Amino acid sequence: MKLKSVLSVLVLSMAAASVFAAPSEINIAYVKAPFNLQNMVMKHNNMLENEFKKDGIKIKWHDITSGAKQTQAMAAGSLDVSATMNTASLLMANSAGNPVVVATGVAHPTKVFAIVGKPGPQMTVKDLKGKTVVGPKGTVLHQTLVAALTKNGVDPKDVNFISMDIPKGMTAMMAGKVDAALLAAGGVIKANANGAKTIATADGYTEPNLVMTASKKFADENPEILKRIVKVNRDALAWIKAHPKEALEIGAKEHGISLKDAETLKNWSNYYDTLTDEDIKGLEADQKFLKENGMMEKTVNVKDLVLPMAMQK
């Protein structure tokens, strides 16, 4: 009987070890847009690779800019962590039954997100009625468009919105094939330099909050691993503050812009790393807006979406 008991304990111990075994690979979204300097520095300096090298854990980067596509990849199990996700995508994913959680903060930008009109006469938000606007659906940019239209008395249904990723949208807008595009960061600067005119930024319409997220499954199974990823992300922000020139050079090269423009985007970004009660209130306000505008159906408890580590220094 004693032997059976010992064997039972061993079997249970082995089962528990297998359940909580560290992953051999971490799949993380590389999101350099709008101007995610922490992620660019983290990847350029191999900070995650160095952190997990001793554990034999490989880091696999995925270029997925759209928050909606990031959450889809998490649902499919092909993505564990997103270095940057907008809260609109976070909320809509959870509302749809795809559990995604916040691990830490990234930025509170406003001016980096904009509605930009094609080259020609300056347009206002009201001028977009009956026009075609392109941009990534289910993102903070989409939220900004709906908020701007609503606040200016234009029914979003009266605008022909076509879902399109930012690079393709910018190309279509600059070619005059569409009336306006939803752009961010370097895209806004480049478009303005080539004759396109900014109609409105997120400032005054939405309060963008970019966060690092993880699939709930990954967070539940690998809490200590996720804490280390968060630490590396915060270390990247500390490195940026200690090496501002080198950080700007990395960002400028990644976005193909001048150091001057990189500094402008950095100043627009308002980087941070620890969420506060104000961010929770912001999530609640975002959810209210998304529900009122038909972009989200099921209500979620926003506090449940924020991991304790996200609010701990």
C-alpha atoms as a PDB file:
ATOM      1  CA  MET A   1       0.000   0.000   0.000  1.00  0.00           C
ATOM      2  CA  LYS A   2       2.836   2.310   0.847  1.00  0.00           C
ATOM      3  CA  LEU A   3       4.419   1.648  -2.545  1.00  0.00           C
ATOM      4  CA  LYS A   4       1.145   2.467  -4.273  1.00  0.00           C
ATOM      5  CA  SER A   5       0.885   5.687  -2.300  1.00  0.00           C
ATOM      6  CA  VAL A   6       4.413   6.708  -3.240  1.00  0.00           C
ATOM      7  CA  LEU A   7       3.773   5.918  -6.895  1.00  0.00           C
ATOM      8  CA  SER A   8       0.535   7.905  -6.814  1.00  0.00           C
ATOM      9  CA  VAL A   9       2.339  10.924  -5.401  1.00  0.00           C
ATOM     10  CA  LEU A  10       5.036  10.628  -8.067  1.00  0.00           C
ATOM     11  CA  VAL A  11       2.477  10.385 -10.864  1.00  0.00           C
ATOM     12  CA  LEU A  12       0.584  13.408  -9.557  1.00  0.00           C
ATOM     13  CA  SER A  13       3.821  15.365  -9.183  1.00  0.00           C
ATOM     14  CA  MET A  14       4.866  14.549 -12.747  1.00  0.00           C
ATOM     15  CA  ALA A  15       1.426  15.520 -14.041  1.00  0.00           C
ATOM     16  CA  ALA A  16       1.587  18.852 -12.218  1.00  0.00           C
ATOM     17  CA  ALA A  17       5.083  19.477 -13.543  1.00  0.00           C
ATOM     18  CA  SER A  18       3.936  18.833 -17.112  1.00  0.00           C
ATOM     19  CA  VAL A  19       0.985  21.189 -16.704  1.00  0.00           C
ATOM     20  CA  PHE A  20       3.181  24.033 -15.502  1.00  0.00           C
ATOM     21  CA  ALA A  21       6.249  23.262 -17.622  1.00  0.00           C
ATOM     22  CA  ALA A  22       7.799  26.333 -19.237  1.00  0.00           C
ATOM     23  CA  PRO A  23       7.119  26.724 -22.965  1.00  0.00           C
ATOM     24  CA  SER A  24       9.906  25.956 -25.430  1.00  0.00           C
ATOM     25  CA  GLU A  25       8.918  28.996 -27.477  1.00  0.00           C
ATOM     26  CA  ILE A  26       7.178  32.313 -26.866  1.00  0.00           C
ATOM     27  CA  ASN A  27       5.210  33.741 -29.778  1.00  0.00           C
ATOM     28  CA  ILE A  28       5.002  37.513 -29.492  1.00  0.00           C
ATOM     29  CA  ALA A  29       3.642  40.172 -31.837  1.00  0.00           C
ATOM     30  CA  TYR A  30       6.180  42.766 -32.962  1.00  0.00           C
ATOM     31  CA  VAL A  31       4.251  46.023 -33.141  1.00  0.00           C
ATOM     32  CA  LYS A  32       6.393  48.999 -34.073  1.00  0.00           C
ATOM     33  CA  ALA A  33       3.353  51.146 -34.906  1.00  0.00           C
ATOM     34  CA  PRO A  34       2.269  53.720 -34.065  1.00  0.00           C
ATOM     35  CA  PHE A  35       5.693  54.445 -32.509  1.00  0.00           C
ATOM     36  CA  ASN A  36       6.140  51.680 -29.970  1.00  0.00           C
ATOM     37  CA  LEU A  37       9.677  52.496 -28.966  1.00  0.00           C
ATOM     38  CA  GLN A  38       9.764  49.954 -26.127  1.00  0.00           C
ATOM     39  CA  ASN A  39       9.047  47.107 -28.540  1.00  0.00           C
ATOM     40  CA  MET A  40      11.521  48.366 -31.137  1.00  0.00           C
ATOM     41  CA  VAL A  41      14.281  48.692 -28.540  1.00  0.00           C
ATOM     42  CA  MET A  42      13.412  45.347 -26.944  1.00  0.00           C
ATOM     43  CA  LYS A  43      13.687  43.548 -30.294  1.00  0.00           C
ATOM     44  CA  HIS A  44      16.702  45.490 -31.582  1.00  0.00           C
ATOM     45  CA  ASN A  45      18.684  44.854 -28.384  1.00  0.00           C
ATOM     46  CA  ASN A  46      17.606  41.187 -28.164  1.00  0.00           C
ATOM     47  CA  MET A  47      16.376  41.840 -24.635  1.00  0.00           C
ATOM     48  CA  LEU A  48      13.828  39.013 -24.540  1.00  0.00           C
ATOM     49  CA  GLU A  49      16.204  36.611 -26.245  1.00  0.00           C
ATOM     50  CA  ASN A  50      18.854  37.354 -23.630  1.00  0.00           C
ATOM     51  CA  GLU A  51      16.351  37.032 -20.769  1.00  0.00           C
ATOM     52  CA  PHE A  52      15.207  33.547 -21.781  1.00  0.00           C
ATOM     53  CA  LYS A  53      18.395  32.176 -23.344  1.00  0.00           C
ATOM     54  CA  LYS A  54      19.429  30.450 -20.114  1.00  0.00           C
ATOM     55  CA  ASP A  55      16.059  28.663 -20.033  1.00  0.00           C
ATOM     56  CA  GLY A  56      16.362  27.421 -23.592  1.00  0.00           C
ATOM     57  CA  ILE A  57      13.188  29.307 -24.531  1.00  0.00           C
ATOM     58  CA  LYS A  58      13.106  30.694 -28.065  1.00  0.00           C
ATOM     59  CA  ILE A  59      11.473  34.018 -28.920  1.00  0.00           C
ATOM     60  CA  LYS A  60       9.481  34.047 -32.144  1.00  0.00           C
ATOM     61  CA  TRP A  61       8.388  37.469 -33.378  1.00  0.00           C
ATOM     62  CA  HIS A  62       5.298  37.958 -35.543  1.00  0.00           C
ATOM     63  CA  ASP A  63       4.602  41.138 -37.513  1.00  0.00           C
ATOM     64  CA  ILE A  64       0.929  41.688 -36.679  1.00  0.00           C
ATOM     65  CA  THR A  65      -0.023  45.351 -36.358  1.00  0.00           C
ATOM     66  CA  SER A  66      -3.824  45.112 -36.254  1.00  0.00           C
ATOM     67  CA  GLY A  67      -5.236  44.539 -32.778  1.00  0.00           C
ATOM     68  CA  ALA A  68      -8.124  42.551 -34.245  1.00  0.00           C
ATOM     69  CA  LYS A  69      -5.723  40.209 -36.055  1.00  0.00           C
ATOM     70  CA  GLN A  70      -3.624  39.865 -32.911  1.00  0.00           C
ATOM     71  CA  THR A  71      -6.621  38.669 -30.900  1.00  0.00           C
ATOM     72  CA  GLN A  72      -7.577  36.263 -33.701  1.00  0.00           C
ATOM     73  CA  ALA A  73      -4.068  34.792 -33.597  1.00  0.00           C
ATOM     74  CA  MET A  74      -4.339  34.428 -29.816  1.00  0.00           C
ATOM     75  CA  ALA A  75      -7.651  32.610 -30.203  1.00  0.00           C
ATOM     76  CA  ALA A  76      -6.023  30.267 -32.717  1.00  0.00           C
ATOM     77  CA  GLY A  77      -3.161  29.582 -30.309  1.00  0.00           C
ATOM     78  CA  SER A  78      -0.475  30.915 -32.650  1.00  0.00           C
ATOM     79  CA  LEU A  79       0.247  34.033 -30.571  1.00  0.00           C
ATOM     80  CA  ASP A  80       0.960  34.228 -26.837  1.00  0.00           C
ATOM     81  CA  VAL A  81       1.737  37.892 -26.242  1.00  0.00           C
ATOM     82  CA  SER A  82       1.243  41.194 -28.042  1.00  0.00           C
ATOM     83  CA  ALA A  83       3.786  43.903 -27.283  1.00  0.00           C
ATOM     84  CA  THR A  84       1.163  46.524 -28.072  1.00  0.00           C
ATOM     85  CA  MET A  85      -2.617  46.292 -28.389  1.00  0.00           C
ATOM     86  CA  ASN A  86      -5.249  49.004 -28.323  1.00  0.00           C
ATOM     87  CA  THR A  87      -7.944  48.676 -25.688  1.00  0.00           C
ATOM     88  CA  ALA A  88     -10.747  48.670 -28.255  1.00  0.00           C
ATOM     89  CA  SER A  89      -9.447  45.389 -29.683  1.00  0.00           C
ATOM     90  CA  LEU A  90      -8.932  44.040 -26.163  1.00  0.00           C
ATOM     91  CA  LEU A  91     -12.519  44.778 -25.142  1.00  0.00           C
ATOM     92  CA  MET A  92     -14.112  43.508 -28.344  1.00  0.00           C
ATOM     93  CA  ALA A  93     -12.152  40.252 -28.161  1.00  0.00           C
ATOM     94  CA  ASN A  94     -13.303  39.555 -24.600  1.00  0.00           C
ATOM     95  CA  SER A  95     -16.869  40.510 -25.471  1.00  0.00           C
ATOM     96  CA  ALA A  96     -16.762  37.930 -28.266  1.00  0.00           C
ATOM     97  CA  GLY A  97     -15.585  35.212 -25.874  1.00  0.00           C
ATOM     98  CA  ASN A  98     -11.875  35.411 -26.689  1.00  0.00           C
ATOM     99  CA  PRO A  99     -10.166  35.985 -23.305  1.00  0.00           C
ATOM    100  CA  VAL A 100      -7.217  38.380 -23.554  1.00  0.00           C
ATOM    101  CA  VAL A 101      -5.642  40.065 -20.523  1.00  0.00           C
ATOM    102  CA  VAL A 102      -3.525  43.164 -19.860  1.00  0.00           C
ATOM    103  CA  ALA A 103       0.006  42.536 -18.583  1.00  0.00           C
ATOM    104  CA  THR A 104       1.397  46.085 -18.466  1.00  0.00           C
ATOM    105  CA  GLY A 105       1.038  49.548 -19.977  1.00  0.00           C
ATOM    106  CA  VAL A 106       2.760  50.938 -23.069  1.00  0.00           C
ATOM    107  CA  ALA A 107       1.543  54.407 -24.061  1.00  0.00           C
ATOM    108  CA  HIS A 108      -1.203  57.028 -23.770  1.00  0.00           C
ATOM    109  CA  PRO A 109      -0.985  58.628 -27.227  1.00  0.00           C
ATOM    110  CA  THR A 110      -3.543  60.988 -28.770  1.00  0.00           C
ATOM    111  CA  LYS A 111      -1.893  62.959 -31.557  1.00  0.00           C
ATOM    112  CA  VAL A 112      -0.372  59.883 -33.206  1.00  0.00           C
ATOM    113  CA  PHE A 113      -3.793  58.645 -34.391  1.00  0.00           C
ATOM    114  CA  ALA A 114      -5.462  60.657 -37.134  1.00  0.00           C
ATOM    115  CA  ILE A 115      -8.068  60.829 -39.865  1.00  0.00           C
ATOM    116  CA  VAL A 116      -6.227  62.126 -42.923  1.00  0.00           C
ATOM    117  CA  GLY A 117      -7.844  63.456 -46.098  1.00  0.00           C
ATOM    118  CA  LYS A 118      -6.494  62.939 -49.608  1.00  0.00           C
ATOM    119  CA  PRO A 119      -4.349  65.686 -51.207  1.00  0.00           C
ATOM    120  CA  GLY A 120      -6.510  68.635 -52.147  1.00  0.00           C
ATOM    121  CA  PRO A 121      -8.754  71.062 -50.266  1.00  0.00           C
ATOM    122  CA  GLN A 122      -8.832  70.815 -46.477  1.00  0.00           C
ATOM    123  CA  MET A 123     -11.770  68.712 -45.291  1.00  0.00           C
ATOM    124  CA  THR A 124     -13.600  68.744 -41.976  1.00  0.00           C
ATOM    125  CA  VAL A 125     -15.155  65.791 -40.182  1.00  0.00           C
ATOM    126  CA  LYS A 126     -18.589  66.883 -41.433  1.00  0.00           C
ATOM    127  CA  ASP A 127     -17.285  66.721 -45.007  1.00  0.00           C
ATOM    128  CA  LEU A 128     -16.841  62.961 -44.631  1.00  0.00           C
ATOM    129  CA  LYS A 129     -20.590  62.365 -44.976  1.00  0.00           C
ATOM    130  CA  GLY A 130     -21.099  60.319 -48.132  1.00  0.00           C
ATOM    131  CA  LYS A 131     -17.350  59.815 -48.532  1.00  0.00           C
ATOM    132  CA  THR A 132     -15.189  56.680 -48.458  1.00  0.00           C
ATOM    133  CA  VAL A 133     -12.818  56.216 -45.532  1.00  0.00           C
ATOM    134  CA  VAL A 134     -10.430  53.288 -45.140  1.00  0.00           C
ATOM    135  CA  GLY A 135      -8.637  51.953 -42.082  1.00  0.00           C
ATOM    136  CA  PRO A 136      -8.231  48.998 -39.723  1.00  0.00           C
ATOM    137  CA  LYS A 137     -11.605  47.923 -38.328  1.00  0.00           C
ATOM    138  CA  GLY A 138     -12.026  47.341 -34.612  1.00  0.00           C
ATOM    139  CA  THR A 139      -9.068  49.444 -33.546  1.00  0.00           C
ATOM    140  CA  VAL A 140      -8.555  52.716 -31.708  1.00  0.00           C
ATOM    141  CA  LEU A 141      -8.396  54.399 -35.130  1.00  0.00           C
ATOM    142  CA  HIS A 142     -11.823  53.028 -36.013  1.00  0.00           C
ATOM    143  CA  GLN A 143     -13.069  54.139 -32.610  1.00  0.00           C
ATOM    144  CA  THR A 144     -11.655  57.625 -33.259  1.00  0.00           C
ATOM    145  CA  LEU A 145     -13.473  57.853 -36.596  1.00  0.00           C
ATOM    146  CA  VAL A 146     -16.827  56.842 -35.099  1.00  0.00           C
ATOM    147  CA  ALA A 147     -16.363  59.224 -32.162  1.00  0.00           C
ATOM    148  CA  ALA A 148     -15.415  62.134 -34.418  1.00  0.00           C
ATOM    149  CA  LEU A 149     -18.363  61.551 -36.750  1.00  0.00           C
ATOM    150  CA  THR A 150     -20.828  61.199 -33.881  1.00  0.00           C
ATOM    151  CA  LYS A 151     -19.565  64.297 -32.081  1.00  0.00           C
ATOM    152  CA  ASN A 152     -19.888  66.309 -35.294  1.00  0.00           C
ATOM    153  CA  GLY A 153     -23.433  65.173 -36.022  1.00  0.00           C
ATOM    154  CA  VAL A 154     -22.628  62.690 -38.779  1.00  0.00           C
ATOM    155  CA  ASP A 155     -24.177  59.223 -38.625  1.00  0.00           C
ATOM    156  CA  PRO A 156     -21.339  56.690 -39.089  1.00  0.00           C
ATOM    157  CA  LYS A 157     -23.693  54.759 -41.389  1.00  0.00           C
ATOM    158  CA  ASP A 158     -23.546  57.720 -43.795  1.00  0.00           C
ATOM    159  CA  VAL A 159     -19.831  57.127 -44.335  1.00  0.00           C
ATOM    160  CA  ASN A 160     -18.588  54.299 -46.548  1.00  0.00           C
ATOM    161  CA  PHE A 161     -16.033  52.693 -44.246  1.00  0.00           C
ATOM    162  CA  ILE A 162     -13.827  49.980 -45.742  1.00  0.00           C
ATOM    163  CA  SER A 163     -11.592  47.887 -43.512  1.00  0.00           C
ATOM    164  CA  MET A 164      -8.008  48.073 -44.727  1.00  0.00           C
ATOM    165  CA  ASP A 165      -4.602  47.910 -43.064  1.00  0.00           C
ATOM    166  CA  ILE A 166      -2.726  51.181 -42.609  1.00  0.00           C
ATOM    167  CA  PRO A 167      -0.081  50.880 -45.396  1.00  0.00           C
ATOM    168  CA  LYS A 168      -2.641  49.897 -48.045  1.00  0.00           C
ATOM    169  CA  GLY A 169      -5.037  52.553 -46.800  1.00  0.00           C
ATOM    170  CA  MET A 170      -2.390  55.244 -47.059  1.00  0.00           C
ATOM    171  CA  THR A 171      -1.496  54.164 -50.602  1.00  0.00           C
ATOM    172  CA  ALA A 172      -5.150  54.239 -51.682  1.00  0.00           C
ATOM    173  CA  MET A 173      -5.694  57.654 -50.090  1.00  0.00           C
ATOM    174  CA  MET A 174      -2.559  59.224 -51.580  1.00  0.00           C
ATOM    175  CA  ALA A 175      -3.583  57.917 -55.013  1.00  0.00           C
ATOM    176  CA  GLY A 176      -6.983  59.581 -54.614  1.00  0.00           C
ATOM    177  CA  LYS A 177      -8.848  56.272 -54.798  1.00  0.00           C
ATOM    178  CA  VAL A 178     -10.527  56.976 -51.448  1.00  0.00           C
ATOM    179  CA  ASP A 179     -11.356  60.225 -49.675  1.00  0.00           C
ATOM    180  CA  ALA A 180      -9.627  59.645 -46.363  1.00  0.00           C
ATOM    181  CA  ALA A 181      -7.587  57.114 -44.433  1.00  0.00           C
ATOM    182  CA  LEU A 182      -7.050  56.304 -40.786  1.00  0.00           C
ATOM    183  CA  LEU A 183      -3.322  56.686 -40.187  1.00  0.00           C
ATOM    184  CA  ALA A 184      -0.913  56.638 -37.294  1.00  0.00           C
ATOM    185  CA  ALA A 185       2.445  58.109 -36.319  1.00  0.00           C
ATOM    186  CA  GLY A 186       4.939  58.095 -39.193  1.00  0.00           C
ATOM    187  CA  GLY A 187       2.126  57.547 -41.674  1.00  0.00           C
ATOM    188  CA  VAL A 188       0.551  60.858 -40.654  1.00  0.00           C
ATOM    189  CA  ILE A 189       3.854  62.712 -41.010  1.00  0.00           C
ATOM    190  CA  LYS A 190       4.619  61.155 -44.410  1.00  0.00           C
ATOM    191  CA  ALA A 191       1.110  61.796 -45.725  1.00  0.00           C
ATOM    192  CA  ASN A 192       1.192  65.438 -44.598  1.00  0.00           C
ATOM    193  CA  ALA A 193       4.595  65.907 -46.230  1.00  0.00           C
ATOM    194  CA  ASN A 194       3.113  64.703 -49.525  1.00  0.00           C
ATOM    195  CA  GLY A 195       0.090  66.983 -49.557  1.00  0.00           C
ATOM    196  CA  ALA A 196      -2.497  65.049 -47.561  1.00  0.00           C
ATOM    197  CA  LYS A 197      -4.186  67.037 -44.814  1.00  0.00           C
ATOM    198  CA  THR A 198      -5.091  65.908 -41.308  1.00  0.00           C
ATOM    199  CA  ILE A 199      -8.829  66.188 -40.686  1.00  0.00           C
ATOM    200  CA  ALA A 200      -8.712  65.296 -36.990  1.00  0.00           C
ATOM    201  CA  THR A 201      -6.590  63.475 -34.432  1.00  0.00           C
ATOM    202  CA  ALA A 202      -7.813  61.336 -31.539  1.00  0.00           C
ATOM    203  CA  ASP A 203      -7.315  64.333 -29.244  1.00  0.00           C
ATOM    204  CA  GLY A 204     -10.726  65.413 -27.992  1.00  0.00           C
ATOM    205  CA  TYR A 205     -12.490  62.319 -29.312  1.00  0.00           C
ATOM    206  CA  THR A 206     -10.891  59.299 -27.665  1.00  0.00           C
ATOM    207  CA  GLU A 207      -8.251  58.646 -25.041  1.00  0.00           C
ATOM    208  CA  PRO A 208      -6.086  55.929 -26.593  1.00  0.00           C
ATOM    209  CA  ASN A 209      -4.414  53.490 -24.263  1.00  0.00           C
ATOM    210  CA  LEU A 210      -1.934  51.006 -25.669  1.00  0.00           C
ATOM    211  CA  VAL A 211      -1.152  47.991 -23.514  1.00  0.00           C
ATOM    212  CA  MET A 212       0.867  44.787 -23.578  1.00  0.00           C
ATOM    213  CA  THR A 213      -1.497  41.816 -23.603  1.00  0.00           C
ATOM    214  CA  ALA A 214      -1.431  38.035 -23.426  1.00  0.00           C
ATOM    215  CA  SER A 215      -3.923  35.309 -24.130  1.00  0.00           C
ATOM    216  CA  LYS A 216      -5.529  34.321 -20.830  1.00  0.00           C
ATOM    217  CA  LYS A 217      -4.449  30.744 -21.458  1.00  0.00           C
ATOM    218  CA  PHE A 218      -0.787  31.768 -21.686  1.00  0.00           C
ATOM    219  CA  ALA A 219      -1.098  34.042 -18.647  1.00  0.00           C
ATOM    220  CA  ASP A 220      -2.740  31.301 -16.560  1.00  0.00           C
ATOM    221  CA  GLU A 221      -0.229  28.633 -17.557  1.00  0.00           C
ATOM    222  CA  ASN A 222       2.908  30.803 -17.456  1.00  0.00           C
ATOM    223  CA  PRO A 223       2.494  33.554 -14.833  1.00  0.00           C
ATOM    224  CA  GLU A 224       6.195  33.740 -13.927  1.00  0.00           C
ATOM    225  CA  ILE A 225       7.248  33.768 -17.582  1.00  0.00           C
ATOM    226  CA  LEU A 226       4.814  36.607 -18.248  1.00  0.00           C
ATOM    227  CA  LYS A 227       6.160  38.567 -15.271  1.00  0.00           C
ATOM    228  CA  ARG A 228       9.629  38.319 -16.789  1.00  0.00           C
ATOM    229  CA  ILE A 229       8.339  39.544 -20.150  1.00  0.00           C
ATOM    230  CA  VAL A 230       6.736  42.512 -18.388  1.00  0.00           C
ATOM    231  CA  LYS A 231       9.986  43.253 -16.576  1.00  0.00           C
ATOM    232  CA  VAL A 232      11.898  43.247 -19.870  1.00  0.00           C
ATOM    233  CA  ASN A 233       9.341  45.618 -21.404  1.00  0.00           C
ATOM    234  CA  ARG A 234       9.745  47.977 -18.447  1.00  0.00           C
ATOM    235  CA  ASP A 235      13.524  47.646 -18.654  1.00  0.00           C
ATOM    236  CA  ALA A 236      13.246  48.736 -22.295  1.00  0.00           C
ATOM    237  CA  LEU A 237      11.467  51.935 -21.228  1.00  0.00           C
ATOM    238  CA  ALA A 238      14.175  52.582 -18.637  1.00  0.00           C
ATOM    239  CA  TRP A 239      16.808  52.057 -21.342  1.00  0.00           C
ATOM    240  CA  ILE A 240      15.033  54.570 -23.584  1.00  0.00           C
ATOM    241  CA  LYS A 241      15.124  57.170 -20.825  1.00  0.00           C
ATOM    242  CA  ALA A 242      18.808  56.489 -20.181  1.00  0.00           C
ATOM    243  CA  HIS A 243      19.774  56.398 -23.884  1.00  0.00           C
ATOM    244  CA  PRO A 244      17.386  58.824 -25.652  1.00  0.00           C
ATOM    245  CA  LYS A 245      19.533  59.430 -28.740  1.00  0.00           C
ATOM    246  CA  GLU A 246      20.245  55.745 -29.367  1.00  0.00           C
ATOM    247  CA  ALA A 247      16.568  54.910 -28.842  1.00  0.00           C
ATOM    248  CA  LEU A 248      15.464  57.552 -31.352  1.00  0.00           C
ATOM    249  CA  GLU A 249      17.965  56.232 -33.892  1.00  0.00           C
ATOM    250  CA  ILE A 250      16.461  52.750 -33.557  1.00  0.00           C
ATOM    251  CA  GLY A 251      12.920  54.106 -33.958  1.00  0.00           C
ATOM    252  CA  ALA A 252      13.812  56.357 -36.889  1.00  0.00           C
ATOM    253  CA  LYS A 253      15.464  53.493 -38.756  1.00  0.00           C
ATOM    254  CA  GLU A 254      12.559  51.113 -38.147  1.00  0.00           C
ATOM    255  CA  HIS A 255      10.015  53.637 -39.429  1.00  0.00           C
ATOM    256  CA  GLY A 256      12.175  55.107 -42.188  1.00  0.00           C
ATOM    257  CA  ILE A 257      11.863  58.652 -40.865  1.00  0.00           C
ATOM    258  CA  SER A 258      14.211  61.410 -39.742  1.00  0.00           C
ATOM    259  CA  LEU A 259      15.469  61.759 -36.189  1.00  0.00           C
ATOM    260  CA  LYS A 260      13.454  64.965 -35.929  1.00  0.00           C
ATOM    261  CA  ASP A 261      10.244  63.174 -36.885  1.00  0.00           C
ATOM    262  CA  ALA A 262      11.114  60.310 -34.542  1.00  0.00           C
ATOM    263  CA  GLU A 263      11.471  62.766 -31.682  1.00  0.00           C
ATOM    264  CA  THR A 264       8.095  64.286 -32.556  1.00  0.00           C
ATOM    265  CA  LEU A 265       6.441  60.869 -32.430  1.00  0.00           C
ATOM    266  CA  LYS A 266       8.177  60.030 -29.174  1.00  0.00           C
ATOM    267  CA  ASN A 267       6.870  63.249 -27.632  1.00  0.00           C
ATOM    268  CA  TRP A 268       3.356  62.455 -28.880  1.00  0.00           C
ATOM    269  CA  SER A 269       3.386  58.943 -27.413  1.00  0.00           C
ATOM    270  CA  ASN A 270       3.346  59.495 -23.619  1.00  0.00           C
ATOM    271  CA  TYR A 271       4.971  56.187 -22.703  1.00  0.00           C
ATOM    272  CA  TYR A 272       4.177  54.542 -19.363  1.00  0.00           C
ATOM    273  CA  ASP A 273       4.371  51.086 -17.828  1.00  0.00           C
ATOM    274  CA  THR A 274       2.080  50.779 -14.798  1.00  0.00           C
ATOM    275  CA  LEU A 275      -1.701  51.039 -15.030  1.00  0.00           C
ATOM    276  CA  THR A 276      -3.681  53.067 -12.501  1.00  0.00           C
ATOM    277  CA  ASP A 277      -7.325  53.391 -11.472  1.00  0.00           C
ATOM    278  CA  GLU A 278      -7.658  56.046 -14.182  1.00  0.00           C
ATOM    279  CA  ASP A 279      -6.839  53.415 -16.799  1.00  0.00           C
ATOM    280  CA  ILE A 280      -9.578  51.182 -15.385  1.00  0.00           C
ATOM    281  CA  LYS A 281     -12.024  54.083 -15.692  1.00  0.00           C
ATOM    282  CA  GLY A 282     -10.793  54.579 -19.247  1.00  0.00           C
ATOM    283  CA  LEU A 283     -11.554  50.955 -20.075  1.00  0.00           C
ATOM    284  CA  GLU A 284     -15.060  51.361 -18.669  1.00  0.00           C
ATOM    285  CA  ALA A 285     -15.583  54.502 -20.767  1.00  0.00           C
ATOM    286  CA  ASP A 286     -14.276  52.722 -23.872  1.00  0.00           C
ATOM    287  CA  GLN A 287     -16.659  49.829 -23.290  1.00  0.00           C
ATOM    288  CA  LYS A 288     -19.607  52.202 -22.931  1.00  0.00           C
ATOM    289  CA  PHE A 289     -18.686  53.911 -26.200  1.00  0.00           C
ATOM    290  CA  LEU A 290     -18.151  50.653 -28.096  1.00  0.00           C
ATOM    291  CA  LYS A 291     -21.507  49.273 -26.933  1.00  0.00           C
ATOM    292  CA  GLU A 292     -23.401  52.458 -27.748  1.00  0.00           C
ATOM    293  CA  ASN A 293     -21.986  52.408 -31.271  1.00  0.00           C
ATOM    294  CA  GLY A 294     -22.655  48.758 -32.008  1.00  0.00           C
ATOM    295  CA  MET A 295     -18.997  47.717 -31.976  1.00  0.00           C
ATOM    296  CA  MET A 296     -19.399  45.493 -28.926  1.00  0.00           C
ATOM    297  CA  GLU A 297     -22.353  43.436 -27.653  1.00  0.00           C
ATOM    298  CA  LYS A 298     -21.614  41.558 -24.440  1.00  0.00           C
ATOM    299  CA  THR A 299     -20.542  43.587 -21.385  1.00  0.00           C
ATOM    300  CA  VAL A 300     -17.380  42.431 -19.629  1.00  0.00           C
ATOM    301  CA  ASN A 301     -15.948  43.198 -16.193  1.00  0.00           C
ATOM    302  CA  VAL A 302     -12.974  45.341 -17.205  1.00  0.00           C
ATOM    303  CA  LYS A 303     -11.246  44.833 -13.852  1.00  0.00           C
ATOM    304  CA  ASP A 304     -11.015  41.122 -14.618  1.00  0.00           C
ATOM    305  CA  LEU A 305      -9.068  41.909 -17.785  1.00  0.00           C
ATOM    306  CA  VAL A 306      -6.200  43.611 -15.951  1.00  0.00           C
ATOM    307  CA  LEU A 307      -3.681  41.320 -14.280  1.00  0.00           C
ATOM    308  CA  PRO A 308      -2.372  42.403 -10.855  1.00  0.00           C
ATOM    309  CA  MET A 309       1.144  42.674 -12.317  1.00  0.00           C
ATOM    310  CA  ALA A 310      -0.088  45.403 -14.674  1.00  0.00           C
ATOM    311  CA  MET A 311      -0.785  47.683 -11.713  1.00  0.00           C
ATOM    312  CA  GLN A 312       2.299  46.786  -9.700  1.00  0.00           C
ATOM    313  CA  LYS A 313       5.607  48.580 -10.152  1.00  0.00           C
END
